[in-house]
Structures are given as C-alpha cells and as structure tokens.
Amino acid sequence: MTQTLDYFNVKSPGSPHILYLGDTSLDAAAGYLAGLMNLWGLPFDYIPSHREYDIPAVGLDHRLIVLSDYPSKLLKPPVQQAIVRSVASGAGLLMIGGWESFCGMGGDWAGSAIAEILPVQVSTTDDRVNCDQPALLRLVKEHATVAGLPWNDRPPTVGGYNRFTAKLDAETILEVERFNVQRENAGFRFESIGRDPMLVVGAHKAGRTAALATDLAPHWVGGMVDWGSSRVTAQAPGSWAIEVGDRYAQFIKQLLHWTGNF
C-alpha cells in the first residue's frame, strides 16, 4: 500500500486473486467492495479511477477482473487485449455500473476490446438513468449469483443505473423496474414505466463474464446497500469502515465467486 492510500496488494498462496479497477479510491467509493473482499479474505490488487493500468512484467495472473467506474481511456488497447486473452483462458470479467462504466459520462467502453466480450451491448450515447422514484429489482431467472436471496418477498431498490441490452447468447438474471408514484386517497398509486436489464451473465471461451447495471456504492446503489435484516461491517487497509446490509453483502459475494469461478 502506497502513502497515497489508493493502492492495495496482498497475495495468499492458493487464494483467488482479483484485479479491481475504479470507484475513485480506497478512501472513497471503493471502500465498499474493497472492504467486503478484505473481510472475506479475497486477495486483490486495487487501481484507482485516475490511474492508468499496465500489465506487470510477470503477466496477468488474476482470476477475476472487476471494472467499476473506470474509464476505457486508462486501459490501452494492448492491455485490453491481454485481459481478453486472460478471460478466454478462464479468468472472469465483471463490469459494475457507474458514471465511467459502460458508456456513462466518460466511460466510453463501446467499440473496445473489453466491450466485445461483455455479455451486453454498450451504448454509444449517455446511458445513465437516475431514479428519483422507486426502481425495484426483479428476479428473471434462477442463478448461482442470486441464489438464496428474497428477491420476491423483499425486492431491493436502486438509485440509478446504466441502460444496456443483453447480447443474444447471454442470460438476463435480474431486471430493474421503474415506477411513477402518486398519492391517491390515503395511499399511493404505483404505475410501472418500464424495465431494463440489471444483471446479465455470459461467457467468453473458458471465462465467465457479467455486467451489473447499478453501482455498488452510493448514490446509485440506493437502498440496496442496506438490504437485509442484519448489518455487516468491514474495512480494507487504507480505507474506512463500511456498514451494509447482509443481503447486499451476500449478493456481492455470490457475484464475485460465480464470475471468478472460485
């Protein structure tokens, strides 16, 4: 860990190793995912959103690559091609939503080598959807990433997401349904205004791929960060302590484990 507190590296023999790029820095939004990975004993390399990533001399040996609010311009074409080859050989690739994910406002991943192997079509125009009224997640298909969670009995809300479409050979696991809500007599009237994919999974040769439309950190994650009936606290070195819902944590853990195939 450097003095700037924006890099973290630890390796444990025999443990799955993760490359995590984006979410500003460890002392900001990255504290959520980094804290949970540290809690679960998942070793990772972290690169903040402003730093260009280059393949180390020893090569790319990560079991899972996570891109979250990380702009495409910081992954040069040769690095992207190296990641594509790694996924083809069995590594996992997960892109998480954000203003610098997918198209976003500066993500600009459309047409890139990474976009070619994602399970979704990335827009070439601003794909951000900000929700000031309820946006609830719906279970579309049973899958290891979403197993054992109360999607039907207690669906979580999100505050925003990137709009994309699933590729023909991919599977849509979750959708987000947005509502207009108006006061009506003593209650409220909910009117659905449409659905979009929220979690789409696929594969590139031997590797698994996944696209999550929302962010994992506020503000876009919305009420989902508190989803659950008990609290989970965690902290990564160089970061700050987080407190989240146990169902939120379980979903993230299952998403990482499935995509990384560990």
C-alpha atoms as a PDB file:
ATOM      1  CA  MET A   1       0.000   0.000   0.000  1.00  0.00           C
ATOM      2  CA  THR A   2       1.426   3.355  -1.012  1.00  0.00           C
ATOM      3  CA  GLN A   3       1.336   6.543   1.012  1.00  0.00           C
ATOM      4  CA  THR A   4      -1.455   7.881  -1.211  1.00  0.00           C
ATOM      5  CA  LEU A   5      -3.746   5.154   0.148  1.00  0.00           C
ATOM      6  CA  ASP A   6      -5.029   4.378  -3.330  1.00  0.00           C
ATOM      7  CA  TYR A   7      -3.317   1.040  -3.946  1.00  0.00           C
ATOM      8  CA  PHE A   8      -3.621  -2.257  -2.142  1.00  0.00           C
ATOM      9  CA  ASN A   9      -1.930  -5.565  -2.843  1.00  0.00           C
ATOM     10  CA  VAL A  10      -1.853  -8.793  -0.896  1.00  0.00           C
ATOM     11  CA  LYS A  11      -1.461 -12.346  -2.132  1.00  0.00           C
ATOM     12  CA  SER A  12      -2.160 -15.574  -0.291  1.00  0.00           C
ATOM     13  CA  PRO A  13      -0.947 -18.843  -1.822  1.00  0.00           C
ATOM     14  CA  GLY A  14      -3.841 -20.837  -3.213  1.00  0.00           C
ATOM     15  CA  SER A  15      -6.356 -17.969  -2.915  1.00  0.00           C
ATOM     16  CA  PRO A  16      -8.210 -16.458  -5.879  1.00  0.00           C
ATOM     17  CA  HIS A  17      -6.584 -13.189  -6.863  1.00  0.00           C
ATOM     18  CA  ILE A  18      -8.700 -10.242  -8.063  1.00  0.00           C
ATOM     19  CA  LEU A  19      -7.808  -7.136 -10.076  1.00  0.00           C
ATOM     20  CA  TYR A  20     -10.119  -4.286  -9.018  1.00  0.00           C
ATOM     21  CA  LEU A  21     -10.029  -1.059 -11.031  1.00  0.00           C
ATOM     22  CA  GLY A  22     -12.053   2.087 -10.352  1.00  0.00           C
ATOM     23  CA  ASP A  23     -14.578   3.501  -7.879  1.00  0.00           C
ATOM     24  CA  THR A  24     -12.492   6.643  -7.295  1.00  0.00           C
ATOM     25  CA  SER A  25     -10.131   5.481  -4.496  1.00  0.00           C
ATOM     26  CA  LEU A  26      -9.899   3.262  -1.436  1.00  0.00           C
ATOM     27  CA  ASP A  27     -10.746   6.158   0.877  1.00  0.00           C
ATOM     28  CA  ALA A  28     -13.877   6.900  -1.156  1.00  0.00           C
ATOM     29  CA  ALA A  29     -16.382   4.716  -3.068  1.00  0.00           C
ATOM     30  CA  ALA A  30     -14.001   1.767  -3.451  1.00  0.00           C
ATOM     31  CA  GLY A  31     -14.220   1.227   0.301  1.00  0.00           C
ATOM     32  CA  TYR A  32     -17.421  -0.778  -0.132  1.00  0.00           C
ATOM     33  CA  LEU A  33     -16.231  -3.558  -2.430  1.00  0.00           C
ATOM     34  CA  ALA A  34     -12.665  -3.471  -1.095  1.00  0.00           C
ATOM     35  CA  GLY A  35     -13.858  -3.713   2.487  1.00  0.00           C
ATOM     36  CA  LEU A  36     -16.017  -6.729   1.772  1.00  0.00           C
ATOM     37  CA  MET A  37     -13.313  -8.512  -0.215  1.00  0.00           C
ATOM     38  CA  ASN A  38     -10.897  -7.930   2.665  1.00  0.00           C
ATOM     39  CA  LEU A  39     -13.485  -9.289   5.119  1.00  0.00           C
ATOM     40  CA  TRP A  40     -13.901 -12.444   3.039  1.00  0.00           C
ATOM     41  CA  GLY A  41     -10.151 -12.989   2.638  1.00  0.00           C
ATOM     42  CA  LEU A  42     -10.179 -12.413  -1.137  1.00  0.00           C
ATOM     43  CA  PRO A  43      -6.747 -11.044  -2.141  1.00  0.00           C
ATOM     44  CA  PHE A  44      -6.857  -8.207  -4.664  1.00  0.00           C
ATOM     45  CA  ASP A  45      -4.831  -5.586  -6.467  1.00  0.00           C
ATOM     46  CA  TYR A  46      -6.530  -2.191  -6.486  1.00  0.00           C
ATOM     47  CA  ILE A  47      -6.070   0.623  -9.021  1.00  0.00           C
ATOM     48  CA  PRO A  48      -7.994   3.931  -8.545  1.00  0.00           C
ATOM     49  CA  SER A  49     -10.095   5.597 -11.231  1.00  0.00           C
ATOM     50  CA  HIS A  50      -7.462   8.181 -12.183  1.00  0.00           C
ATOM     51  CA  ARG A  51      -4.533   5.810 -12.643  1.00  0.00           C
ATOM     52  CA  GLU A  52      -3.667   4.038 -15.878  1.00  0.00           C
ATOM     53  CA  TYR A  53      -3.182   0.294 -15.528  1.00  0.00           C
ATOM     54  CA  ASP A  54      -0.429  -1.600 -17.305  1.00  0.00           C
ATOM     55  CA  ILE A  55       0.282  -5.315 -17.305  1.00  0.00           C
ATOM     56  CA  PRO A  56       3.134  -6.133 -14.878  1.00  0.00           C
ATOM     57  CA  ALA A  57       6.270  -7.804 -16.168  1.00  0.00           C
ATOM     58  CA  VAL A  58       5.179 -11.120 -14.656  1.00  0.00           C
ATOM     59  CA  GLY A  59       1.982 -11.010 -16.718  1.00  0.00           C
ATOM     60  CA  LEU A  60      -1.689 -11.012 -15.788  1.00  0.00           C
ATOM     61  CA  ASP A  61      -2.413 -13.777 -13.277  1.00  0.00           C
ATOM     62  CA  HIS A  62      -5.747 -12.641 -11.832  1.00  0.00           C
ATOM     63  CA  ARG A  63      -8.708 -14.977 -11.549  1.00  0.00           C
ATOM     64  CA  LEU A  64     -11.198 -12.092 -11.788  1.00  0.00           C
ATOM     65  CA  ILE A  65     -11.023  -8.589 -13.281  1.00  0.00           C
ATOM     66  CA  VAL A  66     -13.519  -6.058 -11.875  1.00  0.00           C
ATOM     67  CA  LEU A  67     -14.096  -2.738 -13.676  1.00  0.00           C
ATOM     68  CA  SER A  68     -16.255  -0.217 -11.817  1.00  0.00           C
ATOM     69  CA  ASP A  69     -16.350   3.490 -12.677  1.00  0.00           C
ATOM     70  CA  TYR A  70     -13.083   3.055 -14.560  1.00  0.00           C
ATOM     71  CA  PRO A  71     -12.771   4.846 -17.935  1.00  0.00           C
ATOM     72  CA  SER A  72     -11.734   2.938 -21.042  1.00  0.00           C
ATOM     73  CA  LYS A  73      -9.039   5.502 -21.888  1.00  0.00           C
ATOM     74  CA  LEU A  74      -6.957   4.246 -18.940  1.00  0.00           C
ATOM     75  CA  LEU A  75      -6.766   0.725 -20.368  1.00  0.00           C
ATOM     76  CA  LYS A  76      -4.699   0.979 -23.544  1.00  0.00           C
ATOM     77  CA  PRO A  77      -5.555  -1.429 -26.405  1.00  0.00           C
ATOM     78  CA  PRO A  78      -2.664  -3.850 -25.702  1.00  0.00           C
ATOM     79  CA  VAL A  79      -3.755  -4.096 -22.049  1.00  0.00           C
ATOM     80  CA  GLN A  80      -7.357  -4.704 -23.052  1.00  0.00           C
ATOM     81  CA  GLN A  81      -6.235  -7.438 -25.433  1.00  0.00           C
ATOM     82  CA  ALA A  82      -4.231  -9.046 -22.633  1.00  0.00           C
ATOM     83  CA  ILE A  83      -7.342  -9.046 -20.430  1.00  0.00           C
ATOM     84  CA  VAL A  84      -9.393 -10.568 -23.277  1.00  0.00           C
ATOM     85  CA  ARG A  85      -6.829 -13.353 -23.647  1.00  0.00           C
ATOM     86  CA  SER A  86      -6.865 -13.934 -19.896  1.00  0.00           C
ATOM     87  CA  VAL A  87     -10.657 -14.255 -19.878  1.00  0.00           C
ATOM     88  CA  ALA A  88     -10.519 -16.603 -22.870  1.00  0.00           C
ATOM     89  CA  SER A  89      -8.172 -18.781 -20.813  1.00  0.00           C
ATOM     90  CA  GLY A  90     -10.521 -18.939 -17.818  1.00  0.00           C
ATOM     91  CA  ALA A  91     -10.402 -15.664 -15.861  1.00  0.00           C
ATOM     92  CA  GLY A  92     -13.644 -13.825 -15.075  1.00  0.00           C
ATOM     93  CA  LEU A  93     -14.658 -10.309 -16.132  1.00  0.00           C
ATOM     94  CA  LEU A  94     -17.198  -8.182 -14.238  1.00  0.00           C
ATOM     95  CA  MET A  95     -18.213  -4.644 -15.144  1.00  0.00           C
ATOM     96  CA  ILE A  96     -20.182  -2.767 -12.474  1.00  0.00           C
ATOM     97  CA  GLY A  97     -22.270   0.312 -13.265  1.00  0.00           C
ATOM     98  CA  GLY A  98     -21.227   3.902 -12.759  1.00  0.00           C
ATOM     99  CA  TRP A  99     -20.691   7.228 -14.475  1.00  0.00           C
ATOM    100  CA  GLU A 100     -17.445   5.912 -16.006  1.00  0.00           C
ATOM    101  CA  SER A 101     -18.748   2.405 -16.709  1.00  0.00           C
ATOM    102  CA  PHE A 102     -20.284   1.149 -19.975  1.00  0.00           C
ATOM    103  CA  CYS A 103     -20.919   4.457 -21.826  1.00  0.00           C
ATOM    104  CA  GLY A 104     -21.732   6.648 -18.831  1.00  0.00           C
ATOM    105  CA  MET A 105     -20.245  10.130 -18.793  1.00  0.00           C
ATOM    106  CA  GLY A 106     -16.675   9.356 -19.779  1.00  0.00           C
ATOM    107  CA  GLY A 107     -16.647   5.564 -19.592  1.00  0.00           C
ATOM    108  CA  ASP A 108     -16.813   5.237 -23.370  1.00  0.00           C
ATOM    109  CA  TRP A 109     -16.392   1.465 -23.488  1.00  0.00           C
ATOM    110  CA  ALA A 110     -18.407   0.964 -26.701  1.00  0.00           C
ATOM    111  CA  GLY A 111     -16.255  -0.423 -29.514  1.00  0.00           C
ATOM    112  CA  SER A 112     -13.462  -1.503 -27.163  1.00  0.00           C
ATOM    113  CA  ALA A 113     -11.968  -4.977 -26.920  1.00  0.00           C
ATOM    114  CA  ILE A 114     -13.445  -5.278 -23.421  1.00  0.00           C
ATOM    115  CA  ALA A 115     -16.928  -4.413 -24.709  1.00  0.00           C
ATOM    116  CA  GLU A 116     -16.624  -7.148 -27.328  1.00  0.00           C
ATOM    117  CA  ILE A 117     -16.556  -9.847 -24.650  1.00  0.00           C
ATOM    118  CA  LEU A 118     -19.061  -8.335 -22.208  1.00  0.00           C
ATOM    119  CA  PRO A 119     -22.487 -10.060 -22.217  1.00  0.00           C
ATOM    120  CA  VAL A 120     -24.231  -6.756 -23.070  1.00  0.00           C
ATOM    121  CA  GLN A 121     -24.315  -4.234 -25.888  1.00  0.00           C
ATOM    122  CA  VAL A 122     -22.759  -0.994 -24.646  1.00  0.00           C
ATOM    123  CA  SER A 123     -24.444   2.217 -25.783  1.00  0.00           C
ATOM    124  CA  THR A 124     -22.558   4.825 -27.797  1.00  0.00           C
ATOM    125  CA  THR A 125     -24.520   7.641 -26.095  1.00  0.00           C
ATOM    126  CA  ASP A 126     -25.118   8.573 -22.470  1.00  0.00           C
ATOM    127  CA  ASP A 127     -26.728   5.529 -20.859  1.00  0.00           C
ATOM    128  CA  ARG A 128     -27.185   6.848 -17.315  1.00  0.00           C
ATOM    129  CA  VAL A 129     -30.609   6.553 -15.690  1.00  0.00           C
ATOM    130  CA  ASN A 130     -31.083   8.431 -12.405  1.00  0.00           C
ATOM    131  CA  CYS A 131     -34.117   7.371 -10.416  1.00  0.00           C
ATOM    132  CA  ASP A 132     -35.895   9.853  -8.157  1.00  0.00           C
ATOM    133  CA  GLN A 133     -38.812   7.456  -7.677  1.00  0.00           C
ATOM    134  CA  PRO A 134     -38.832   3.723  -6.909  1.00  0.00           C
ATOM    135  CA  ALA A 135     -36.700   1.424  -9.054  1.00  0.00           C
ATOM    136  CA  LEU A 136     -37.136  -2.152  -7.835  1.00  0.00           C
ATOM    137  CA  LEU A 137     -35.146  -5.228  -8.804  1.00  0.00           C
ATOM    138  CA  ARG A 138     -36.963  -8.228 -10.258  1.00  0.00           C
ATOM    139  CA  LEU A 139     -35.725 -11.803 -10.432  1.00  0.00           C
ATOM    140  CA  VAL A 140     -35.902 -13.055 -14.029  1.00  0.00           C
ATOM    141  CA  LYS A 141     -34.017 -16.339 -13.789  1.00  0.00           C
ATOM    142  CA  GLU A 142     -32.609 -18.504 -11.014  1.00  0.00           C
ATOM    143  CA  HIS A 143     -28.833 -18.475 -10.972  1.00  0.00           C
ATOM    144  CA  ALA A 144     -25.916 -19.004  -8.591  1.00  0.00           C
ATOM    145  CA  THR A 145     -25.333 -15.221  -8.411  1.00  0.00           C
ATOM    146  CA  VAL A 146     -28.770 -14.602  -6.905  1.00  0.00           C
ATOM    147  CA  ALA A 147     -29.455 -17.840  -5.017  1.00  0.00           C
ATOM    148  CA  GLY A 148     -30.984 -17.800  -1.528  1.00  0.00           C
ATOM    149  CA  LEU A 149     -31.976 -14.122  -1.570  1.00  0.00           C
ATOM    150  CA  PRO A 150     -35.517 -12.707  -1.071  1.00  0.00           C
ATOM    151  CA  TRP A 151     -35.968 -11.097  -4.495  1.00  0.00           C
ATOM    152  CA  ASN A 152     -39.728 -11.738  -4.490  1.00  0.00           C
ATOM    153  CA  ASP A 153     -40.510 -11.176  -0.810  1.00  0.00           C
ATOM    154  CA  ARG A 154     -38.289  -8.142  -0.272  1.00  0.00           C
ATOM    155  CA  PRO A 155     -37.043  -6.676  -3.575  1.00  0.00           C
ATOM    156  CA  PRO A 156     -34.357  -4.016  -3.097  1.00  0.00           C
ATOM    157  CA  THR A 157     -34.325  -0.561  -4.657  1.00  0.00           C
ATOM    158  CA  VAL A 158     -31.548   1.205  -6.550  1.00  0.00           C
ATOM    159  CA  GLY A 159     -30.970   4.892  -7.194  1.00  0.00           C
ATOM    160  CA  GLY A 160     -29.567   4.703 -10.714  1.00  0.00           C
ATOM    161  CA  TYR A 161     -28.010   2.502 -13.363  1.00  0.00           C
ATOM    162  CA  ASN A 162     -26.551   2.243 -16.865  1.00  0.00           C
ATOM    163  CA  ARG A 163     -29.028   1.182 -19.546  1.00  0.00           C
ATOM    164  CA  PHE A 164     -27.784  -1.636 -21.789  1.00  0.00           C
ATOM    165  CA  THR A 165     -29.213  -4.598 -23.707  1.00  0.00           C
ATOM    166  CA  ALA A 166     -28.277  -8.250 -23.323  1.00  0.00           C
ATOM    167  CA  LYS A 167     -26.493  -9.978 -26.181  1.00  0.00           C
ATOM    168  CA  LEU A 168     -28.316 -12.882 -27.814  1.00  0.00           C
ATOM    169  CA  ASP A 169     -26.099 -15.548 -26.248  1.00  0.00           C
ATOM    170  CA  ALA A 170     -26.249 -14.038 -22.722  1.00  0.00           C
ATOM    171  CA  GLU A 171     -28.648 -14.602 -19.814  1.00  0.00           C
ATOM    172  CA  THR A 172     -30.576 -11.828 -18.068  1.00  0.00           C
ATOM    173  CA  ILE A 173     -30.779 -12.743 -14.376  1.00  0.00           C
ATOM    174  CA  LEU A 174     -32.191  -9.529 -12.863  1.00  0.00           C
ATOM    175  CA  GLU A 175     -34.170  -6.606 -14.236  1.00  0.00           C
ATOM    176  CA  VAL A 176     -34.921  -3.185 -12.773  1.00  0.00           C
ATOM    177  CA  GLU A 177     -38.499  -1.916 -12.969  1.00  0.00           C
ATOM    178  CA  ARG A 178     -39.129   1.812 -12.570  1.00  0.00           C
ATOM    179  CA  PHE A 179     -42.327   3.315 -11.205  1.00  0.00           C
ATOM    180  CA  ASN A 180     -44.116   6.624 -11.194  1.00  0.00           C
ATOM    181  CA  VAL A 181     -45.756   7.035  -7.795  1.00  0.00           C
ATOM    182  CA  GLN A 182     -48.597   9.408  -6.935  1.00  0.00           C
ATOM    183  CA  ARG A 183     -50.549   9.993  -3.776  1.00  0.00           C
ATOM    184  CA  GLU A 184     -54.037   8.521  -4.080  1.00  0.00           C
ATOM    185  CA  ASN A 185     -56.571   8.940  -1.278  1.00  0.00           C
ATOM    186  CA  ALA A 186     -54.959   7.505   1.864  1.00  0.00           C
ATOM    187  CA  GLY A 187     -52.297   5.586  -0.022  1.00  0.00           C
ATOM    188  CA  PHE A 188     -50.087   5.642  -3.110  1.00  0.00           C
ATOM    189  CA  ARG A 189     -50.595   4.514  -6.689  1.00  0.00           C
ATOM    190  CA  PHE A 190     -47.652   2.833  -8.435  1.00  0.00           C
ATOM    191  CA  GLU A 191     -47.500   2.906 -12.247  1.00  0.00           C
ATOM    192  CA  SER A 192     -44.791   0.860 -13.991  1.00  0.00           C
ATOM    193  CA  ILE A 193     -42.874   2.868 -16.602  1.00  0.00           C
ATOM    194  CA  GLY A 194     -40.665   0.079 -17.926  1.00  0.00           C
ATOM    195  CA  ARG A 195     -37.950  -2.460 -17.253  1.00  0.00           C
ATOM    196  CA  ASP A 196     -34.279  -2.726 -18.154  1.00  0.00           C
ATOM    197  CA  PRO A 197     -31.656  -5.445 -17.597  1.00  0.00           C
ATOM    198  CA  MET A 198     -29.870  -5.185 -14.254  1.00  0.00           C
ATOM    199  CA  LEU A 199     -27.650  -8.289 -14.165  1.00  0.00           C
ATOM    200  CA  VAL A 200     -26.602 -10.109 -17.333  1.00  0.00           C
ATOM    201  CA  VAL A 201     -24.149 -13.023 -17.416  1.00  0.00           C
ATOM    202  CA  GLY A 202     -22.331 -14.791 -20.202  1.00  0.00           C
ATOM    203  CA  ALA A 203     -19.026 -16.309 -21.234  1.00  0.00           C
ATOM    204  CA  HIS A 204     -16.020 -15.704 -23.431  1.00  0.00           C
ATOM    205  CA  LYS A 205     -14.465 -19.042 -24.333  1.00  0.00           C
ATOM    206  CA  ALA A 206     -13.287 -20.549 -20.995  1.00  0.00           C
ATOM    207  CA  GLY A 207     -14.032 -17.446 -18.881  1.00  0.00           C
ATOM    208  CA  ARG A 208     -17.224 -16.122 -17.338  1.00  0.00           C
ATOM    209  CA  THR A 209     -18.479 -12.566 -17.844  1.00  0.00           C
ATOM    210  CA  ALA A 210     -21.053 -10.430 -16.030  1.00  0.00           C
ATOM    211  CA  ALA A 211     -22.497  -6.926 -16.282  1.00  0.00           C
ATOM    212  CA  LEU A 212     -24.236  -5.269 -13.312  1.00  0.00           C
ATOM    213  CA  ALA A 213     -26.041  -2.079 -14.330  1.00  0.00           C
ATOM    214  CA  THR A 214     -26.002  -0.279 -10.972  1.00  0.00           C
ATOM    215  CA  ASP A 215     -23.107   0.789  -8.795  1.00  0.00           C
ATOM    216  CA  LEU A 216     -22.172  -0.908  -5.519  1.00  0.00           C
ATOM    217  CA  ALA A 217     -21.515   2.388  -3.729  1.00  0.00           C
ATOM    218  CA  PRO A 218     -23.812   5.356  -3.040  1.00  0.00           C
ATOM    219  CA  HIS A 219     -25.503   7.138  -4.535  1.00  0.00           C
ATOM    220  CA  TRP A 220     -26.534   4.820  -7.351  1.00  0.00           C
ATOM    221  CA  VAL A 221     -26.765   1.667  -5.245  1.00  0.00           C
ATOM    222  CA  GLY A 222     -29.601   3.383  -3.359  1.00  0.00           C
ATOM    223  CA  GLY A 223     -31.463   1.368  -0.740  1.00  0.00           C
ATOM    224  CA  MET A 224     -29.829  -1.881  -1.845  1.00  0.00           C
ATOM    225  CA  VAL A 225     -26.757  -1.042   0.241  1.00  0.00           C
ATOM    226  CA  ASP A 226     -28.918  -1.611   3.341  1.00  0.00           C
ATOM    227  CA  TRP A 227     -30.732  -4.688   2.001  1.00  0.00           C
ATOM    228  CA  GLY A 228     -31.109  -7.305   4.698  1.00  0.00           C
ATOM    229  CA  SER A 229     -32.126  -7.866   8.298  1.00  0.00           C
ATOM    230  CA  SER A 230     -28.694  -7.595   9.920  1.00  0.00           C
ATOM    231  CA  ARG A 231     -25.573  -5.482   9.454  1.00  0.00           C
ATOM    232  CA  VAL A 232     -22.133  -6.339   8.097  1.00  0.00           C
ATOM    233  CA  THR A 233     -19.114  -4.163   8.931  1.00  0.00           C
ATOM    234  CA  ALA A 234     -15.835  -4.311   7.046  1.00  0.00           C
ATOM    235  CA  GLN A 235     -12.734  -2.274   6.283  1.00  0.00           C
ATOM    236  CA  ALA A 236      -9.875  -2.577   3.802  1.00  0.00           C
ATOM    237  CA  PRO A 237      -6.366  -1.342   4.591  1.00  0.00           C
ATOM    238  CA  GLY A 238      -6.080   2.304   3.583  1.00  0.00           C
ATOM    239  CA  SER A 239      -9.846   2.672   3.570  1.00  0.00           C
ATOM    240  CA  TRP A 240     -12.617   3.481   6.029  1.00  0.00           C
ATOM    241  CA  ALA A 241     -15.091   1.225   7.791  1.00  0.00           C
ATOM    242  CA  ILE A 242     -18.346   0.456   5.995  1.00  0.00           C
ATOM    243  CA  GLU A 243     -21.637  -0.886   7.330  1.00  0.00           C
ATOM    244  CA  VAL A 244     -24.014  -2.590   4.894  1.00  0.00           C
ATOM    245  CA  GLY A 245     -26.969  -4.979   4.818  1.00  0.00           C
ATOM    246  CA  ASP A 246     -26.253  -8.701   5.000  1.00  0.00           C
ATOM    247  CA  ARG A 247     -28.272  -9.478   1.839  1.00  0.00           C
ATOM    248  CA  TYR A 248     -26.360  -6.838  -0.127  1.00  0.00           C
ATOM    249  CA  ALA A 249     -23.097  -8.427   1.038  1.00  0.00           C
ATOM    250  CA  GLN A 250     -24.301 -11.933   0.180  1.00  0.00           C
ATOM    251  CA  PHE A 251     -25.270 -10.874  -3.342  1.00  0.00           C
ATOM    252  CA  ILE A 252     -21.863  -9.294  -3.991  1.00  0.00           C
ATOM    253  CA  LYS A 253     -20.039 -12.335  -2.652  1.00  0.00           C
ATOM    254  CA  GLN A 254     -22.019 -14.691  -4.876  1.00  0.00           C
ATOM    255  CA  LEU A 255     -21.500 -12.430  -7.891  1.00  0.00           C
ATOM    256  CA  LEU A 256     -17.723 -12.387  -7.398  1.00  0.00           C
ATOM    257  CA  HIS A 257     -17.478 -16.109  -6.738  1.00  0.00           C
ATOM    258  CA  TRP A 258     -19.537 -17.084  -9.766  1.00  0.00           C
ATOM    259  CA  THR A 259     -17.846 -14.706 -12.200  1.00  0.00           C
ATOM    260  CA  GLY A 260     -14.362 -15.634 -10.993  1.00  0.00           C
ATOM    261  CA  ASN A 261     -15.316 -19.330 -10.828  1.00  0.00           C
ATOM    262  CA  PHE A 262     -13.767 -19.828  -7.392  1.00  0.00           C
END
